[in-house]
Amino acid sequence: MNRRERIEESLVQRFGLQHLEVTDESHGHSVPDGAESHFKVVAVSDDFAGKRLIQRHRMVNELLESEFTGGMHALAIHVYTADEWQTRFNQAPMSPPCAGGSARDGEAV
């Protein structure tokens, strides 16, 4: 099972999700092919209701702690309740480009 699949499985088991996207964005960063180091999570769950953004992020970060200790470098977290997600027209923000260039450019971070 790869890292994306493990992240998905962990989130599905922990939260009652109405929507989930887990994207490996490593290809846009200065890392070797197959690094599985940079991810984006978009999760919609009423488990986030009544929680501040920092609390929601902590819930996800704590759940995925073993992925960080296992080599994941970055995780963009976009978490919403079903109502918030609908207000956003079912769209999460795009990730910004890597500030250190991309692996394709041959530049180091």
PDB file of N, CA and C in Angstrom:
ATOM      1  N   MET A   1       0.854  -1.179   0.000  1.00  0.00           N
ATOM      2  CA  MET A   1       0.000   0.000   0.000  1.00  0.00           C
ATOM      3  C   MET A   1       0.897   1.238   0.000  1.00  0.00           C
ATOM      4  N   ASN A   2       0.617   2.187  -0.902  1.00  0.00           N
ATOM      5  CA  ASN A   2       1.444   3.391  -0.942  1.00  0.00           C
ATOM      6  C   ASN A   2       0.944   4.426   0.072  1.00  0.00           C
ATOM      7  N   ARG A   3       1.672   5.531   0.193  1.00  0.00           N
ATOM      8  CA  ARG A   3       1.354   6.533   1.214  1.00  0.00           C
ATOM      9  C   ARG A   3      -0.021   7.149   0.985  1.00  0.00           C
ATOM     10  N   ARG A   4      -0.376   7.462  -0.251  1.00  0.00           N
ATOM     11  CA  ARG A   4      -1.689   8.041  -0.535  1.00  0.00           C
ATOM     12  C   ARG A   4      -2.796   7.107  -0.057  1.00  0.00           C
ATOM     13  N   GLU A   5      -2.654   5.837  -0.325  1.00  0.00           N
ATOM     14  CA  GLU A   5      -3.656   4.854   0.097  1.00  0.00           C
ATOM     15  C   GLU A   5      -3.729   4.754   1.621  1.00  0.00           C
ATOM     16  N   ARG A   6      -2.578   4.809   2.293  1.00  0.00           N
ATOM     17  CA  ARG A   6      -2.582   4.764   3.760  1.00  0.00           C
ATOM     18  C   ARG A   6      -3.263   5.997   4.341  1.00  0.00           C
ATOM     19  N   ILE A   7      -2.995   7.162   3.754  1.00  0.00           N
ATOM     20  CA  ILE A   7      -3.633   8.397   4.228  1.00  0.00           C
ATOM     21  C   ILE A   7      -5.141   8.290   4.048  1.00  0.00           C
ATOM     22  N   GLU A   8      -5.578   7.866   2.876  1.00  0.00           N
ATOM     23  CA  GLU A   8      -7.016   7.705   2.617  1.00  0.00           C
ATOM     24  C   GLU A   8      -7.651   6.754   3.622  1.00  0.00           C
ATOM     25  N   GLU A   9      -7.018   5.613   3.824  1.00  0.00           N
ATOM     26  CA  GLU A   9      -7.560   4.611   4.734  1.00  0.00           C
ATOM     27  C   GLU A   9      -7.681   5.166   6.159  1.00  0.00           C
ATOM     28  N   SER A  10      -6.655   5.873   6.610  1.00  0.00           N
ATOM     29  CA  SER A  10      -6.682   6.448   7.963  1.00  0.00           C
ATOM     30  C   SER A  10      -7.815   7.453   8.118  1.00  0.00           C
ATOM     31  N   LEU A  11      -7.985   8.317   7.127  1.00  0.00           N
ATOM     32  CA  LEU A  11      -9.028   9.333   7.194  1.00  0.00           C
ATOM     33  C   LEU A  11     -10.423   8.710   7.139  1.00  0.00           C
ATOM     34  N   VAL A  12     -10.603   7.726   6.284  1.00  0.00           N
ATOM     35  CA  VAL A  12     -11.901   7.054   6.161  1.00  0.00           C
ATOM     36  C   VAL A  12     -12.268   6.351   7.458  1.00  0.00           C
ATOM     37  N   GLN A  13     -11.288   5.720   8.088  1.00  0.00           N
ATOM     38  CA  GLN A  13     -11.561   5.001   9.334  1.00  0.00           C
ATOM     39  C   GLN A  13     -11.858   5.952  10.494  1.00  0.00           C
ATOM     40  N   ARG A  14     -11.286   7.146  10.481  1.00  0.00           N
ATOM     41  CA  ARG A  14     -11.429   8.083  11.608  1.00  0.00           C
ATOM     42  C   ARG A  14     -12.650   8.994  11.508  1.00  0.00           C
ATOM     43  N   PHE A  15     -12.944   9.478  10.295  1.00  0.00           N
ATOM     44  CA  PHE A  15     -13.999  10.479  10.122  1.00  0.00           C
ATOM     45  C   PHE A  15     -15.163   9.921   9.300  1.00  0.00           C
ATOM     46  N   GLY A  16     -16.358  10.407   9.574  1.00  0.00           N
ATOM     47  CA  GLY A  16     -17.510  10.111   8.732  1.00  0.00           C
ATOM     48  C   GLY A  16     -17.485  11.078   7.556  1.00  0.00           C
ATOM     49  N   LEU A  17     -16.903  10.655   6.456  1.00  0.00           N
ATOM     50  CA  LEU A  17     -16.631  11.562   5.341  1.00  0.00           C
ATOM     51  C   LEU A  17     -17.740  11.574   4.298  1.00  0.00           C
ATOM     52  N   GLN A  18     -18.072  12.778   3.857  1.00  0.00           N
ATOM     53  CA  GLN A  18     -18.967  12.925   2.718  1.00  0.00           C
ATOM     54  C   GLN A  18     -18.166  13.089   1.432  1.00  0.00           C
ATOM     55  N   HIS A  19     -16.914  13.520   1.569  1.00  0.00           N
ATOM     56  CA  HIS A  19     -16.040  13.734   0.403  1.00  0.00           C
ATOM     57  C   HIS A  19     -14.597  13.623   0.874  1.00  0.00           C
ATOM     58  N   LEU A  20     -13.752  13.036   0.030  1.00  0.00           N
ATOM     59  CA  LEU A  20     -12.324  12.930   0.336  1.00  0.00           C
ATOM     60  C   LEU A  20     -11.526  12.955  -0.950  1.00  0.00           C
ATOM     61  N   GLU A  21     -10.488  13.777  -0.952  1.00  0.00           N
ATOM     62  CA  GLU A  21      -9.496  13.789  -2.021  1.00  0.00           C
ATOM     63  C   GLU A  21      -8.126  13.766  -1.354  1.00  0.00           C
ATOM     64  N   VAL A  22      -7.286  12.850  -1.778  1.00  0.00           N
ATOM     65  CA  VAL A  22      -5.901  12.823  -1.317  1.00  0.00           C
ATOM     66  C   VAL A  22      -5.044  12.838  -2.573  1.00  0.00           C
ATOM     67  N   THR A  23      -4.236  13.887  -2.719  1.00  0.00           N
ATOM     68  CA  THR A  23      -3.439  14.077  -3.915  1.00  0.00           C
ATOM     69  C   THR A  23      -1.961  14.089  -3.559  1.00  0.00           C
ATOM     70  N   ASP A  24      -1.190  13.283  -4.269  1.00  0.00           N
ATOM     71  CA  ASP A  24       0.267  13.296  -4.129  1.00  0.00           C
ATOM     72  C   ASP A  24       0.793  14.416  -5.021  1.00  0.00           C
ATOM     73  N   GLU A  25       1.276  15.485  -4.408  1.00  0.00           N
ATOM     74  CA  GLU A  25       1.792  16.640  -5.144  1.00  0.00           C
ATOM     75  C   GLU A  25       3.319  16.662  -5.195  1.00  0.00           C
ATOM     76  N   SER A  26       3.933  15.546  -4.890  1.00  0.00           N
ATOM     77  CA  SER A  26       5.395  15.471  -4.838  1.00  0.00           C
ATOM     78  C   SER A  26       6.042  15.829  -6.171  1.00  0.00           C
ATOM     79  N   HIS A  27       5.382  15.497  -7.257  1.00  0.00           N
ATOM     80  CA  HIS A  27       5.943  15.746  -8.591  1.00  0.00           C
ATOM     81  C   HIS A  27       6.225  17.227  -8.841  1.00  0.00           C
ATOM     82  N   GLY A  28       5.573  18.117  -8.123  1.00  0.00           N
ATOM     83  CA  GLY A  28       5.776  19.548  -8.302  1.00  0.00           C
ATOM     84  C   GLY A  28       6.841  20.131  -7.395  1.00  0.00           C
ATOM     85  N   HIS A  29       7.600  19.276  -6.737  1.00  0.00           N
ATOM     86  CA  HIS A  29       8.616  19.737  -5.794  1.00  0.00           C
ATOM     87  C   HIS A  29       9.969  19.122  -6.126  1.00  0.00           C
ATOM     88  N   SER A  30      11.000  19.680  -5.546  1.00  0.00           N
ATOM     89  CA  SER A  30      12.364  19.212  -5.777  1.00  0.00           C
ATOM     90  C   SER A  30      12.655  17.975  -4.952  1.00  0.00           C
ATOM     91  N   VAL A  31      12.055  16.872  -5.376  1.00  0.00           N
ATOM     92  CA  VAL A  31      12.264  15.589  -4.697  1.00  0.00           C
ATOM     93  C   VAL A  31      12.454  14.514  -5.762  1.00  0.00           C
ATOM     94  N   PRO A  32      13.093  13.419  -5.421  1.00  0.00           N
ATOM     95  CA  PRO A  32      13.257  12.336  -6.393  1.00  0.00           C
ATOM     96  C   PRO A  32      11.910  11.742  -6.799  1.00  0.00           C
ATOM     97  N   ASP A  33      11.840  11.203  -8.002  1.00  0.00           N
ATOM     98  CA  ASP A  33      10.628  10.517  -8.448  1.00  0.00           C
ATOM     99  C   ASP A  33      10.234   9.450  -7.432  1.00  0.00           C
ATOM    100  N   GLY A  34       8.949   9.359  -7.158  1.00  0.00           N
ATOM    101  CA  GLY A  34       8.446   8.355  -6.225  1.00  0.00           C
ATOM    102  C   GLY A  34       8.647   8.690  -4.768  1.00  0.00           C
ATOM    103  N   ALA A  35       8.991   9.933  -4.450  1.00  0.00           N
ATOM    104  CA  ALA A  35       9.313  10.308  -3.068  1.00  0.00           C
ATOM    105  C   ALA A  35       8.104  10.265  -2.133  1.00  0.00           C
ATOM    106  N   GLU A  36       6.904  10.466  -2.634  1.00  0.00           N
ATOM    107  CA  GLU A  36       5.702  10.501  -1.791  1.00  0.00           C
ATOM    108  C   GLU A  36       5.912  11.389  -0.565  1.00  0.00           C
ATOM    109  N   SER A  37       6.297  12.644  -0.813  1.00  0.00           N
ATOM    110  CA  SER A  37       6.668  13.534   0.286  1.00  0.00           C
ATOM    111  C   SER A  37       5.720  14.706   0.500  1.00  0.00           C
ATOM    112  N   HIS A  38       4.964  15.102  -0.509  1.00  0.00           N
ATOM    113  CA  HIS A  38       4.087  16.272  -0.440  1.00  0.00           C
ATOM    114  C   HIS A  38       2.669  15.859  -0.831  1.00  0.00           C
ATOM    115  N   PHE A  39       1.713  16.099   0.071  1.00  0.00           N
ATOM    116  CA  PHE A  39       0.338  15.683  -0.176  1.00  0.00           C
ATOM    117  C   PHE A  39      -0.643  16.803   0.110  1.00  0.00           C
ATOM    118  N   LYS A  40      -1.814  16.693  -0.500  1.00  0.00           N
ATOM    119  CA  LYS A  40      -2.927  17.596  -0.261  1.00  0.00           C
ATOM    120  C   LYS A  40      -4.134  16.746   0.108  1.00  0.00           C
ATOM    121  N   VAL A  41      -4.808  17.135   1.194  1.00  0.00           N
ATOM    122  CA  VAL A  41      -6.014  16.447   1.645  1.00  0.00           C
ATOM    123  C   VAL A  41      -7.174  17.435   1.628  1.00  0.00           C
ATOM    124  N   VAL A  42      -8.247  17.019   0.989  1.00  0.00           N
ATOM    125  CA  VAL A  42      -9.518  17.743   1.048  1.00  0.00           C
ATOM    126  C   VAL A  42     -10.512  16.767   1.670  1.00  0.00           C
ATOM    127  N   ALA A  43     -11.023  17.117   2.842  1.00  0.00           N
ATOM    128  CA  ALA A  43     -11.932  16.223   3.555  1.00  0.00           C
ATOM    129  C   ALA A  43     -13.164  16.994   4.005  1.00  0.00           C
ATOM    130  N   VAL A  44     -14.318  16.375   3.790  1.00  0.00           N
ATOM    131  CA  VAL A  44     -15.587  16.974   4.187  1.00  0.00           C
ATOM    132  C   VAL A  44     -16.254  16.023   5.175  1.00  0.00           C
ATOM    133  N   SER A  45     -16.492  16.538   6.380  1.00  0.00           N
ATOM    134  CA  SER A  45     -17.094  15.718   7.424  1.00  0.00           C
ATOM    135  C   SER A  45     -17.774  16.611   8.449  1.00  0.00           C
ATOM    136  N   ASP A  46     -18.902  16.177   8.940  1.00  0.00           N
ATOM    137  CA  ASP A  46     -19.544  16.915  10.008  1.00  0.00           C
ATOM    138  C   ASP A  46     -18.817  16.714  11.337  1.00  0.00           C
ATOM    139  N   ASP A  47     -17.804  15.838  11.360  1.00  0.00           N
ATOM    140  CA  ASP A  47     -16.953  15.710  12.546  1.00  0.00           C
ATOM    141  C   ASP A  47     -16.182  17.004  12.808  1.00  0.00           C
ATOM    142  N   PHE A  48     -16.087  17.883  11.805  1.00  0.00           N
ATOM    143  CA  PHE A  48     -15.366  19.146  11.958  1.00  0.00           C
ATOM    144  C   PHE A  48     -16.268  20.271  12.462  1.00  0.00           C
ATOM    145  N   ALA A  49     -17.551  20.013  12.568  1.00  0.00           N
ATOM    146  CA  ALA A  49     -18.498  21.042  13.018  1.00  0.00           C
ATOM    147  C   ALA A  49     -18.157  21.510  14.431  1.00  0.00           C
ATOM    148  N   GLY A  50     -18.230  22.823  14.631  1.00  0.00           N
ATOM    149  CA  GLY A  50     -17.986  23.398  15.948  1.00  0.00           C
ATOM    150  C   GLY A  50     -16.517  23.466  16.332  1.00  0.00           C
ATOM    151  N   LYS A  51     -15.623  23.092  15.414  1.00  0.00           N
ATOM    152  CA  LYS A  51     -14.183  23.122  15.706  1.00  0.00           C
ATOM    153  C   LYS A  51     -13.527  24.232  14.890  1.00  0.00           C
ATOM    154  N   ARG A  52     -12.602  24.919  15.531  1.00  0.00           N
ATOM    155  CA  ARG A  52     -11.840  25.950  14.825  1.00  0.00           C
ATOM    156  C   ARG A  52     -10.898  25.287  13.828  1.00  0.00           C
ATOM    157  N   LEU A  53     -10.436  26.053  12.875  1.00  0.00           N
ATOM    158  CA  LEU A  53      -9.557  25.527  11.836  1.00  0.00           C
ATOM    159  C   LEU A  53      -8.318  24.850  12.427  1.00  0.00           C
ATOM    160  N   ILE A  54      -7.702  25.461  13.425  1.00  0.00           N
ATOM    161  CA  ILE A  54      -6.507  24.873  14.028  1.00  0.00           C
ATOM    162  C   ILE A  54      -6.824  23.523  14.674  1.00  0.00           C
ATOM    163  N   GLN A  55      -7.992  23.395  15.278  1.00  0.00           N
ATOM    164  CA  GLN A  55      -8.388  22.123  15.886  1.00  0.00           C
ATOM    165  C   GLN A  55      -8.578  21.052  14.810  1.00  0.00           C
ATOM    166  N   ARG A  56      -9.168  21.438  13.701  1.00  0.00           N
ATOM    167  CA  ARG A  56      -9.376  20.500  12.594  1.00  0.00           C
ATOM    168  C   ARG A  56      -8.038  20.018  12.043  1.00  0.00           C
ATOM    169  N   HIS A  57      -7.124  20.954  11.858  1.00  0.00           N
ATOM    170  CA  HIS A  57      -5.802  20.593  11.342  1.00  0.00           C
ATOM    171  C   HIS A  57      -5.070  19.670  12.314  1.00  0.00           C
ATOM    172  N   ARG A  58      -5.166  19.960  13.581  1.00  0.00           N
ATOM    173  CA  ARG A  58      -4.522  19.106  14.588  1.00  0.00           C
ATOM    174  C   ARG A  58      -5.087  17.691  14.548  1.00  0.00           C
ATOM    175  N   MET A  59      -6.404  17.575  14.348  1.00  0.00           N
ATOM    176  CA  MET A  59      -7.026  16.254  14.273  1.00  0.00           C
ATOM    177  C   MET A  59      -6.394  15.436  13.141  1.00  0.00           C
ATOM    178  N   VAL A  60      -6.222  16.065  11.993  1.00  0.00           N
ATOM    179  CA  VAL A  60      -5.653  15.372  10.832  1.00  0.00           C
ATOM    180  C   VAL A  60      -4.165  15.109  11.042  1.00  0.00           C
ATOM    181  N   ASN A  61      -3.431  16.122  11.501  1.00  0.00           N
ATOM    182  CA  ASN A  61      -1.988  15.946  11.723  1.00  0.00           C
ATOM    183  C   ASN A  61      -1.692  14.848  12.739  1.00  0.00           C
ATOM    184  N   GLU A  62      -2.439  14.807  13.826  1.00  0.00           N
ATOM    185  CA  GLU A  62      -2.226  13.768  14.841  1.00  0.00           C
ATOM    186  C   GLU A  62      -2.530  12.387  14.278  1.00  0.00           C
ATOM    187  N   LEU A  63      -3.581  12.304  13.474  1.00  0.00           N
ATOM    188  CA  LEU A  63      -3.938  11.026  12.860  1.00  0.00           C
ATOM    189  C   LEU A  63      -2.843  10.521  11.931  1.00  0.00           C
ATOM    190  N   LEU A  64      -2.186  11.438  11.239  1.00  0.00           N
ATOM    191  CA  LEU A  64      -1.185  11.059  10.230  1.00  0.00           C
ATOM    192  C   LEU A  64       0.248  11.215  10.722  1.00  0.00           C
ATOM    193  N   GLU A  65       0.430  11.289  12.021  1.00  0.00           N
ATOM    194  CA  GLU A  65       1.764  11.480  12.603  1.00  0.00           C
ATOM    195  C   GLU A  65       2.779  10.454  12.100  1.00  0.00           C
ATOM    196  N   SER A  66       2.371   9.215  11.974  1.00  0.00           N
ATOM    197  CA  SER A  66       3.311   8.174  11.532  1.00  0.00           C
ATOM    198  C   SER A  66       3.776   8.403  10.098  1.00  0.00           C
ATOM    199  N   GLU A  67       2.964   9.052   9.282  1.00  0.00           N
ATOM    200  CA  GLU A  67       3.391   9.356   7.915  1.00  0.00           C
ATOM    201  C   GLU A  67       4.486  10.420   7.914  1.00  0.00           C
ATOM    202  N   PHE A  68       4.372  11.388   8.824  1.00  0.00           N
ATOM    203  CA  PHE A  68       5.420  12.407   8.938  1.00  0.00           C
ATOM    204  C   PHE A  68       6.721  11.787   9.429  1.00  0.00           C
ATOM    205  N   THR A  69       6.636  10.930  10.434  1.00  0.00           N
ATOM    206  CA  THR A  69       7.861  10.292  10.930  1.00  0.00           C
ATOM    207  C   THR A  69       8.424   9.319   9.901  1.00  0.00           C
ATOM    208  N   GLY A  70       7.582   8.875   8.978  1.00  0.00           N
ATOM    209  CA  GLY A  70       8.016   7.957   7.925  1.00  0.00           C
ATOM    210  C   GLY A  70       8.485   8.645   6.658  1.00  0.00           C
ATOM    211  N   GLY A  71       8.615   9.974   6.665  1.00  0.00           N
ATOM    212  CA  GLY A  71       9.200  10.655   5.522  1.00  0.00           C
ATOM    213  C   GLY A  71       8.317  11.648   4.786  1.00  0.00           C
ATOM    214  N   MET A  72       7.045  11.760   5.157  1.00  0.00           N
ATOM    215  CA  MET A  72       6.215  12.772   4.503  1.00  0.00           C
ATOM    216  C   MET A  72       6.697  14.137   4.971  1.00  0.00           C
ATOM    217  N   HIS A  73       6.890  15.034   4.038  1.00  0.00           N
ATOM    218  CA  HIS A  73       7.467  16.343   4.344  1.00  0.00           C
ATOM    219  C   HIS A  73       6.402  17.423   4.515  1.00  0.00           C
ATOM    220  N   ALA A  74       5.348  17.382   3.698  1.00  0.00           N
ATOM    221  CA  ALA A  74       4.362  18.457   3.716  1.00  0.00           C
ATOM    222  C   ALA A  74       2.965  17.907   3.475  1.00  0.00           C
ATOM    223  N   LEU A  75       1.986  18.540   4.143  1.00  0.00           N
ATOM    224  CA  LEU A  75       0.600  18.151   3.985  1.00  0.00           C
ATOM    225  C   LEU A  75      -0.264  19.410   3.969  1.00  0.00           C
ATOM    226  N   ALA A  76      -0.877  19.678   2.836  1.00  0.00           N
ATOM    227  CA  ALA A  76      -1.842  20.777   2.734  1.00  0.00           C
ATOM    228  C   ALA A  76      -3.190  20.211   3.162  1.00  0.00           C
ATOM    229  N   ILE A  77      -3.805  20.842   4.150  1.00  0.00           N
ATOM    230  CA  ILE A  77      -5.049  20.328   4.712  1.00  0.00           C
ATOM    231  C   ILE A  77      -6.178  21.318   4.453  1.00  0.00           C
ATOM    232  N   HIS A  78      -7.231  20.835   3.808  1.00  0.00           N
ATOM    233  CA  HIS A  78      -8.431  21.618   3.550  1.00  0.00           C
ATOM    234  C   HIS A  78      -9.593  20.793   4.081  1.00  0.00           C
ATOM    235  N   VAL A  79     -10.128  21.192   5.228  1.00  0.00           N
ATOM    236  CA  VAL A  79     -11.189  20.416   5.884  1.00  0.00           C
ATOM    237  C   VAL A  79     -12.423  21.287   6.078  1.00  0.00           C
ATOM    238  N   TYR A  80     -13.576  20.704   5.785  1.00  0.00           N
ATOM    239  CA  TYR A  80     -14.825  21.452   5.794  1.00  0.00           C
ATOM    240  C   TYR A  80     -15.953  20.592   6.351  1.00  0.00           C
ATOM    241  N   THR A  81     -16.985  21.270   6.841  1.00  0.00           N
ATOM    242  CA  THR A  81     -18.254  20.586   7.097  1.00  0.00           C
ATOM    243  C   THR A  81     -18.987  20.514   5.755  1.00  0.00           C
ATOM    244  N   ALA A  82     -20.044  19.737   5.695  1.00  0.00           N
ATOM    245  CA  ALA A  82     -20.807  19.614   4.442  1.00  0.00           C
ATOM    246  C   ALA A  82     -21.358  20.976   4.000  1.00  0.00           C
ATOM    247  N   ASP A  83     -21.843  21.766   4.939  1.00  0.00           N
ATOM    248  CA  ASP A  83     -22.367  23.095   4.595  1.00  0.00           C
ATOM    249  C   ASP A  83     -21.274  24.019   4.075  1.00  0.00           C
ATOM    250  N   GLU A  84     -20.106  24.000   4.713  1.00  0.00           N
ATOM    251  CA  GLU A  84     -18.981  24.830   4.257  1.00  0.00           C
ATOM    252  C   GLU A  84     -18.542  24.416   2.859  1.00  0.00           C
ATOM    253  N   TRP A  85     -18.500  23.124   2.618  1.00  0.00           N
ATOM    254  CA  TRP A  85     -18.075  22.600   1.319  1.00  0.00           C
ATOM    255  C   TRP A  85     -19.048  23.045   0.224  1.00  0.00           C
ATOM    256  N   GLN A  86     -20.326  22.981   0.518  1.00  0.00           N
ATOM    257  CA  GLN A  86     -21.322  23.406  -0.464  1.00  0.00           C
ATOM    258  C   GLN A  86     -21.204  24.908  -0.730  1.00  0.00           C
ATOM    259  N   THR A  87     -20.941  25.692   0.311  1.00  0.00           N
ATOM    260  CA  THR A  87     -20.758  27.135   0.156  1.00  0.00           C
ATOM    261  C   THR A  87     -19.568  27.438  -0.757  1.00  0.00           C
ATOM    262  N   ARG A  88     -18.565  26.573  -0.721  1.00  0.00           N
ATOM    263  CA  ARG A  88     -17.375  26.745  -1.572  1.00  0.00           C
ATOM    264  C   ARG A  88     -17.597  26.164  -2.970  1.00  0.00           C
ATOM    265  N   PHE A  89     -18.812  25.744  -3.270  1.00  0.00           N
ATOM    266  CA  PHE A  89     -19.145  25.140  -4.568  1.00  0.00           C
ATOM    267  C   PHE A  89     -18.302  23.895  -4.839  1.00  0.00           C
ATOM    268  N   ASN A  90     -18.042  23.137  -3.774  1.00  0.00           N
ATOM    269  CA  ASN A  90     -17.304  21.871  -3.853  1.00  0.00           C
ATOM    270  C   ASN A  90     -15.904  22.049  -4.445  1.00  0.00           C
ATOM    271  N   GLN A  91     -15.252  23.149  -4.096  1.00  0.00           N
ATOM    272  CA  GLN A  91     -13.917  23.435  -4.615  1.00  0.00           C
ATOM    273  C   GLN A  91     -12.960  23.795  -3.474  1.00  0.00           C
ATOM    274  N   ALA A  92     -11.810  23.162  -3.459  1.00  0.00           N
ATOM    275  CA  ALA A  92     -10.749  23.522  -2.514  1.00  0.00           C
ATOM    276  C   ALA A  92      -9.763  24.436  -3.230  1.00  0.00           C
ATOM    277  N   PRO A  93      -9.002  25.246  -2.495  1.00  0.00           N
ATOM    278  CA  PRO A  93      -8.000  26.095  -3.137  1.00  0.00           C
ATOM    279  C   PRO A  93      -6.931  25.267  -3.835  1.00  0.00           C
ATOM    280  N   MET A  94      -6.380  25.828  -4.893  1.00  0.00           N
ATOM    281  CA  MET A  94      -5.262  25.176  -5.574  1.00  0.00           C
ATOM    282  C   MET A  94      -4.007  25.343  -4.723  1.00  0.00           C
ATOM    283  N   SER A  95      -3.109  24.393  -4.834  1.00  0.00           N
ATOM    284  CA  SER A  95      -1.837  24.501  -4.122  1.00  0.00           C
ATOM    285  C   SER A  95      -0.908  25.438  -4.887  1.00  0.00           C
ATOM    286  N   PRO A  96      -0.129  26.238  -4.162  1.00  0.00           N
ATOM    287  CA  PRO A  96       0.825  27.127  -4.837  1.00  0.00           C
ATOM    288  C   PRO A  96       1.996  26.323  -5.387  1.00  0.00           C
ATOM    289  N   PRO A  97       2.706  26.877  -6.363  1.00  0.00           N
ATOM    290  CA  PRO A  97       3.885  26.176  -6.869  1.00  0.00           C
ATOM    291  C   PRO A  97       4.975  26.120  -5.801  1.00  0.00           C
ATOM    292  N   CYS A  98       5.846  25.155  -5.933  1.00  0.00           N
ATOM    293  CA  CYS A  98       6.964  25.008  -4.997  1.00  0.00           C
ATOM    294  C   CYS A  98       7.875  26.225  -5.108  1.00  0.00           C
ATOM    295  N   ALA A  99       8.211  26.830  -3.984  1.00  0.00           N
ATOM    296  CA  ALA A  99       9.073  28.007  -3.974  1.00  0.00           C
ATOM    297  C   ALA A  99      10.518  27.660  -4.317  1.00  0.00           C
ATOM    298  N   GLY A 100      10.878  26.399  -4.185  1.00  0.00           N
ATOM    299  CA  GLY A 100      12.254  25.994  -4.453  1.00  0.00           C
ATOM    300  C   GLY A 100      12.451  25.435  -5.844  1.00  0.00           C
ATOM    301  N   GLY A 101      11.500  25.598  -6.750  1.00  0.00           N
ATOM    302  CA  GLY A 101      11.610  25.014  -8.081  1.00  0.00           C
ATOM    303  C   GLY A 101      11.053  23.606  -8.064  1.00  0.00           C
ATOM    304  N   SER A 102      11.091  22.975  -9.189  1.00  0.00           N
ATOM    305  CA  SER A 102      10.567  21.609  -9.268  1.00  0.00           C
ATOM    306  C   SER A 102      11.678  20.644  -9.566  1.00  0.00           C
ATOM    307  N   ALA A 103      11.395  19.379  -9.348  1.00  0.00           N
ATOM    308  CA  ALA A 103      12.380  18.336  -9.641  1.00  0.00           C
ATOM    309  C   ALA A 103      12.729  18.342 -11.115  1.00  0.00           C
ATOM    310  N   ARG A 104      11.775  18.714 -11.947  1.00  0.00           N
ATOM    311  CA  ARG A 104      12.019  18.747 -13.395  1.00  0.00           C
ATOM    312  C   ARG A 104      13.016  19.851 -13.750  1.00  0.00           C
ATOM    313  N   ASP A 105      13.088  20.916 -12.943  1.00  0.00           N
ATOM    314  CA  ASP A 105      14.013  22.003 -13.213  1.00  0.00           C
ATOM    315  C   ASP A 105      15.441  21.662 -12.793  1.00  0.00           C
ATOM    316  N   GLY A 106      15.583  20.618 -11.985  1.00  0.00           N
ATOM    317  CA  GLY A 106      16.899  20.238 -11.491  1.00  0.00           C
ATOM    318  C   GLY A 106      17.403  21.160 -10.390  1.00  0.00           C
ATOM    319  N   GLU A 107      16.520  21.972  -9.826  1.00  0.00           N
ATOM    320  CA  GLU A 107      16.908  22.888  -8.766  1.00  0.00           C
ATOM    321  C   GLU A 107      16.708  22.246  -7.402  1.00  0.00           C
ATOM    322  N   ALA A 108      17.497  22.630  -6.461  1.00  0.00           N
ATOM    323  CA  ALA A 108      17.353  22.133  -5.092  1.00  0.00           C
ATOM    324  C   ALA A 108      16.550  23.133  -4.290  1.00  0.00           C
ATOM    325  N   VAL A 109      15.864  22.636  -3.286  1.00  0.00           N
ATOM    326  CA  VAL A 109      15.104  23.510  -2.381  1.00  0.00           C
ATOM    327  C   VAL A 109      16.043  24.146  -1.403  1.00  0.00           C
TER     328      VAL A 109
END
